[in-house]
Amino acid sequence: MRLDRWLISVACALVLAGCATSSNGPLPARKVNDQDAARIHTELGQQYLERGQLKRALEKLQKALQFDEQYVPAHTVIATIYARIGETDQAEKHFRRAEELDPKSGDTNNNLGVFLCRIGKIDQALPYFQKATQDPFYNTKDVALSNAGRCELKRNNYAAAIKDYRLALAINPNNADALYQMADALLHEGKAFRARAFIQRFDALGRPDPSALLLGYRIEKRLGDEEGAQSYAKRLRAKFPDSDQAQSINSDRSR
């Protein structure tokens, strides 16, 4: 698990061509075939992206959009590729296009919000997370709320971030990112005792992570519980001996 990863998703990716319809009934056969071709090239592009073959992935996504410029998953995947290779303007263009084509989708709104927050457009980003939660068919509203919390943290608005994490956890009490981030935000706010409860809930999920173990160590240190702190330190050194987090604890001991 990576606690530093934002969550981007491809809404309805790889849909079947037979699902294509218009407001006036089934689309013409030529258009159905175009969408099917776009779907296939998007699938291939996504596979190349997952393998790290970014040039081939980009070629496939460009081809997908030649077949169907309105195919939302193609815009989402190509935007992700452009973001990966540092072409920010192109990435933003395609994330925005996906949202324009499917403005009520939780996925497209969440994805655009994540991207805008990453590039520092926080005020623009936050409304998209709220829009994402308004989609009745979006099954991961807690993810959008957790992402909103991360975005608030980028401008040091801890109170708003804690509110977002609380809402996320009300929807999904096992949202690992929200549990970790809540504990971290509460510790920053000087509420170490409350932070302890959330890092313990994270720990109970059974997903050991060096950042979480270090946070647990720091919380116990703040509370003056040396035994608890050393318990986290021991686990961190045992499970992740070469991690930066383990090295930071070793540095603390050497002072």
Protein backbone atom coordinates (compact mmCIF):
# COMPACT_ATOMS: atom_id res chain seq x y z
CA MET A 1 0.00 0.00 0.00
CA ARG A 2 1.20 3.50 -0.84
CA LEU A 3 -0.13 6.14 1.50
CA ASP A 4 1.16 8.92 -0.73
CA ARG A 5 -0.94 7.96 -3.73
CA TRP A 6 -3.99 9.84 -4.88
CA LEU A 7 -6.72 7.67 -6.29
CA ILE A 8 -7.63 8.09 -9.95
CA SER A 9 -10.10 5.76 -11.62
CA VAL A 10 -11.31 5.10 -15.14
CA ALA A 11 -15.08 5.34 -15.14
CA CYS A 12 -16.82 2.59 -17.07
CA ALA A 13 -13.58 1.80 -18.84
CA LEU A 14 -13.63 -0.97 -21.37
CA VAL A 15 -17.38 -0.77 -21.94
CA LEU A 16 -18.96 -3.07 -24.49
CA ALA A 17 -19.78 -1.55 -27.85
CA GLY A 18 -23.24 -3.04 -27.66
CA CYS A 19 -24.01 -0.66 -24.78
CA ALA A 20 -23.69 2.39 -27.03
CA THR A 21 -26.95 4.29 -27.37
CA SER A 22 -28.16 7.77 -28.11
CA SER A 23 -31.17 9.66 -26.90
CA ASN A 24 -32.96 8.51 -30.05
CA GLY A 25 -32.12 4.84 -29.72
CA PRO A 26 -29.17 2.68 -30.85
CA LEU A 27 -26.35 4.51 -32.57
CA PRO A 28 -25.69 3.85 -36.26
CA ALA A 29 -23.59 0.76 -36.95
CA ARG A 30 -20.61 2.85 -38.09
CA LYS A 31 -20.57 4.76 -34.79
CA VAL A 32 -20.88 1.58 -32.76
CA ASN A 33 -17.87 0.20 -34.61
CA ASP A 34 -15.93 3.39 -33.97
CA GLN A 35 -16.63 3.16 -30.25
CA ASP A 36 -15.66 -0.51 -30.22
CA ALA A 37 -12.36 0.39 -31.89
CA ALA A 38 -11.84 3.19 -29.36
CA ARG A 39 -12.52 0.75 -26.54
CA ILE A 40 -10.01 -1.79 -27.87
CA HIS A 41 -7.26 0.81 -28.32
CA THR A 42 -7.99 2.19 -24.85
CA GLU A 43 -7.66 -1.29 -23.38
CA LEU A 44 -4.33 -1.77 -25.10
CA GLY A 45 -3.13 1.67 -24.08
CA GLN A 46 -4.05 1.00 -20.47
CA GLN A 47 -2.13 -2.27 -20.56
CA TYR A 48 0.96 -0.55 -21.98
CA LEU A 49 0.63 2.15 -19.32
CA GLU A 50 0.57 -0.47 -16.57
CA ARG A 51 3.75 -1.99 -18.05
CA GLY A 52 5.48 1.38 -18.16
CA GLN A 53 5.58 1.44 -21.98
CA LEU A 54 4.41 5.02 -22.15
CA LYS A 55 5.21 5.78 -25.80
CA ARG A 56 3.20 2.81 -27.05
CA ALA A 57 0.43 3.59 -24.58
CA LEU A 58 0.20 7.15 -25.89
CA GLU A 59 0.04 5.94 -29.50
CA LYS A 60 -2.85 3.61 -28.67
CA LEU A 61 -4.80 6.32 -26.85
CA GLN A 62 -4.29 8.80 -29.67
CA LYS A 63 -5.63 6.16 -32.03
CA ALA A 64 -8.61 5.53 -29.75
CA LEU A 65 -9.55 9.19 -29.87
CA GLN A 66 -9.27 9.24 -33.65
CA PHE A 67 -12.02 6.62 -33.70
CA ASP A 68 -14.21 8.29 -31.08
CA GLU A 69 -13.27 11.71 -29.72
CA GLN A 70 -16.10 11.45 -27.17
CA TYR A 71 -14.91 8.21 -25.54
CA VAL A 72 -14.46 9.26 -21.91
CA PRO A 73 -12.14 6.44 -20.73
CA ALA A 74 -9.71 7.28 -23.55
CA HIS A 75 -9.50 10.89 -22.36
CA THR A 76 -8.91 9.72 -18.79
CA VAL A 77 -6.13 7.30 -19.67
CA ILE A 78 -4.37 9.63 -22.10
CA ALA A 79 -4.54 12.41 -19.49
CA THR A 80 -2.86 10.07 -17.01
CA ILE A 81 -0.10 9.36 -19.53
CA TYR A 82 0.47 13.04 -20.27
CA ALA A 83 0.64 13.74 -16.54
CA ARG A 84 3.19 10.96 -16.16
CA ILE A 85 5.48 12.39 -18.84
CA GLY A 86 5.17 15.95 -17.56
CA GLU A 87 2.95 17.40 -20.30
CA THR A 88 0.71 19.18 -17.82
CA ASP A 89 -1.26 21.28 -20.28
CA GLN A 90 -2.24 18.26 -22.34
CA ALA A 91 -3.12 16.28 -19.22
CA GLU A 92 -5.38 19.06 -17.96
CA LYS A 93 -7.02 19.39 -21.37
CA HIS A 94 -8.01 15.72 -21.43
CA PHE A 95 -9.09 15.49 -17.78
CA ARG A 96 -11.31 18.53 -18.40
CA ARG A 97 -12.64 17.02 -21.62
CA ALA A 98 -13.61 13.82 -19.80
CA GLU A 99 -15.50 15.88 -17.22
CA GLU A 100 -17.21 17.93 -19.96
CA LEU A 101 -18.38 14.74 -21.69
CA ASP A 102 -19.64 13.15 -18.46
CA PRO A 103 -20.16 16.05 -16.03
CA LYS A 104 -22.21 14.12 -13.48
CA SER A 105 -19.78 11.21 -13.16
CA GLY A 106 -18.13 10.74 -9.79
CA ASP A 107 -15.07 9.30 -11.49
CA THR A 108 -14.47 12.13 -13.95
CA ASN A 109 -15.01 14.78 -11.27
CA ASN A 110 -12.73 13.02 -8.78
CA ASN A 111 -10.02 12.57 -11.40
CA LEU A 112 -10.09 16.22 -12.46
CA GLY A 113 -10.02 17.30 -8.82
CA VAL A 114 -7.01 15.10 -8.10
CA PHE A 115 -5.10 16.45 -11.08
CA LEU A 116 -5.86 20.10 -10.35
CA CYS A 117 -4.82 19.66 -6.74
CA ARG A 118 -1.57 18.01 -7.77
CA ILE A 119 -0.63 21.01 -9.91
CA GLY A 120 -1.54 23.47 -7.17
CA LYS A 121 -4.94 24.68 -8.44
CA ILE A 122 -6.54 23.92 -5.10
CA ASP A 123 -9.44 26.36 -5.25
CA GLN A 124 -10.43 24.96 -8.62
CA ALA A 125 -9.99 21.36 -7.49
CA LEU A 126 -12.14 21.24 -4.36
CA PRO A 127 -15.57 21.73 -6.00
CA TYR A 128 -14.96 18.70 -8.21
CA PHE A 129 -14.61 16.42 -5.19
CA GLN A 130 -17.94 17.69 -3.93
CA LYS A 131 -19.51 17.10 -7.35
CA ALA A 132 -18.15 13.56 -7.29
CA THR A 133 -20.03 12.80 -4.08
CA GLN A 134 -23.30 13.95 -5.66
CA ASP A 135 -23.26 11.14 -8.23
CA PRO A 136 -25.74 8.55 -6.89
CA PHE A 137 -23.99 5.80 -8.86
CA TYR A 138 -20.49 6.62 -7.61
CA ASN A 139 -19.61 3.81 -5.23
CA THR A 140 -16.46 5.30 -3.73
CA LYS A 141 -17.58 8.66 -2.39
CA ASP A 142 -15.21 8.12 0.53
CA VAL A 143 -12.31 8.22 -1.93
CA ALA A 144 -13.34 11.63 -3.26
CA LEU A 145 -13.71 12.94 0.30
CA SER A 146 -10.32 11.56 1.30
CA ASN A 147 -8.79 13.21 -1.77
CA ALA A 148 -10.49 16.48 -0.79
CA GLY A 149 -8.85 16.18 2.62
CA ARG A 150 -5.44 15.73 1.01
CA CYS A 151 -6.08 18.81 -1.07
CA GLU A 152 -6.98 20.87 1.99
CA LEU A 153 -3.75 19.73 3.64
CA LYS A 154 -1.77 21.17 0.75
CA ARG A 155 -2.83 24.61 1.94
CA ASN A 156 -2.48 23.65 5.62
CA ASN A 157 -6.22 23.78 6.26
CA TYR A 158 -6.19 21.03 8.87
CA ALA A 159 -9.67 21.72 10.22
CA ALA A 160 -11.26 21.31 6.77
CA ALA A 161 -9.15 18.21 6.07
CA ILE A 162 -10.24 16.58 9.34
CA LYS A 163 -13.87 17.30 8.42
CA ASP A 164 -13.42 15.63 5.02
CA TYR A 165 -11.73 12.59 6.55
CA ARG A 166 -14.49 12.27 9.11
CA LEU A 167 -17.09 12.26 6.33
CA ALA A 168 -15.07 9.70 4.38
CA LEU A 169 -14.86 7.41 7.39
CA ALA A 170 -18.58 7.75 8.05
CA ILE A 171 -19.09 6.21 4.61
CA ASN A 172 -16.27 3.67 4.82
CA PRO A 173 -14.80 3.10 8.31
CA ASN A 174 -12.00 1.04 6.73
CA ASN A 175 -10.73 3.68 4.34
CA ALA A 176 -7.05 3.23 5.08
CA ASP A 177 -5.93 6.53 3.56
CA ALA A 178 -8.50 8.51 5.56
CA LEU A 179 -7.53 6.73 8.79
CA TYR A 180 -3.84 7.47 8.28
CA GLN A 181 -4.35 11.06 7.16
CA MET A 182 -6.78 11.72 10.02
CA ALA A 183 -4.24 10.50 12.55
CA ASP A 184 -1.53 12.64 10.97
CA ALA A 185 -3.74 15.76 10.86
CA LEU A 186 -4.85 15.33 14.47
CA LEU A 187 -1.25 14.93 15.62
CA HIS A 188 -0.35 18.12 13.79
CA GLU A 189 -3.22 19.85 15.58
CA GLY A 190 -1.81 18.69 18.92
CA LYS A 191 -4.53 16.10 19.52
CA ALA A 192 -2.28 13.10 20.01
CA PHE A 193 -4.72 11.07 22.07
CA ARG A 194 -7.36 11.22 19.35
CA ALA A 195 -4.68 10.59 16.73
CA ARG A 196 -3.77 7.36 18.55
CA ALA A 197 -7.30 6.00 18.07
CA PHE A 198 -7.15 6.47 14.30
CA ILE A 199 -3.67 5.02 13.82
CA GLN A 200 -4.76 2.01 15.89
CA ARG A 201 -7.76 1.60 13.61
CA PHE A 202 -5.42 1.76 10.63
CA ASP A 203 -3.16 -0.80 12.27
CA ALA A 204 -6.11 -3.14 12.80
CA LEU A 205 -6.59 -3.37 9.04
CA GLY A 206 -3.44 -5.49 8.88
CA ARG A 207 -1.74 -3.46 6.15
CA PRO A 208 1.67 -2.60 7.60
CA ASP A 209 3.21 0.50 6.07
CA PRO A 210 6.44 2.24 7.09
CA SER A 211 4.83 5.69 7.11
CA ALA A 212 2.03 4.49 9.38
CA LEU A 213 4.43 2.74 11.75
CA LEU A 214 6.52 5.90 11.99
CA LEU A 215 3.40 7.94 12.64
CA GLY A 216 2.40 5.53 15.40
CA TYR A 217 5.88 5.92 16.90
CA ARG A 218 5.61 9.71 16.85
CA ILE A 219 2.13 9.69 18.37
CA GLU A 220 3.28 7.52 21.27
CA LYS A 221 6.32 9.73 21.73
CA ARG A 222 4.06 12.77 21.92
CA LEU A 223 1.93 11.02 24.52
CA GLY A 224 5.01 10.12 26.55
CA ASP A 225 4.44 6.38 26.14
CA GLU A 226 7.98 5.12 25.54
CA GLU A 227 6.94 1.47 25.58
CA GLY A 228 4.31 2.08 22.91
CA ALA A 229 6.76 4.08 20.82
CA GLN A 230 9.39 1.35 20.96
CA SER A 231 6.80 -1.24 19.96
CA TYR A 232 6.20 0.67 16.73
CA ALA A 233 9.94 1.21 16.26
CA LYS A 234 10.65 -2.51 16.65
CA ARG A 235 8.03 -3.44 14.06
CA LEU A 236 9.30 -0.79 11.67
CA ARG A 237 12.89 -2.02 11.86
CA ALA A 238 11.79 -5.65 11.51
CA LYS A 239 9.46 -5.21 8.55
CA PHE A 240 11.08 -2.29 6.71
CA PRO A 241 14.72 -2.16 7.86
CA ASP A 242 15.95 -0.25 4.81
CA SER A 243 13.16 2.31 4.70
CA ASP A 244 13.72 6.02 5.22
CA GLN A 245 11.26 5.82 8.11
CA ALA A 246 13.37 3.19 9.92
CA GLN A 247 16.47 5.27 9.34
CA SER A 248 14.77 8.33 10.83
CA ILE A 249 14.03 6.40 14.03
CA ASN A 250 17.64 5.19 14.17
CA SER A 251 18.73 8.83 13.83
CA ASP A 252 16.49 9.76 16.75
CA ARG A 253 18.19 7.13 18.90
CA SER A 254 21.68 8.32 18.02
CA ARG A 255 21.01 11.89 19.19
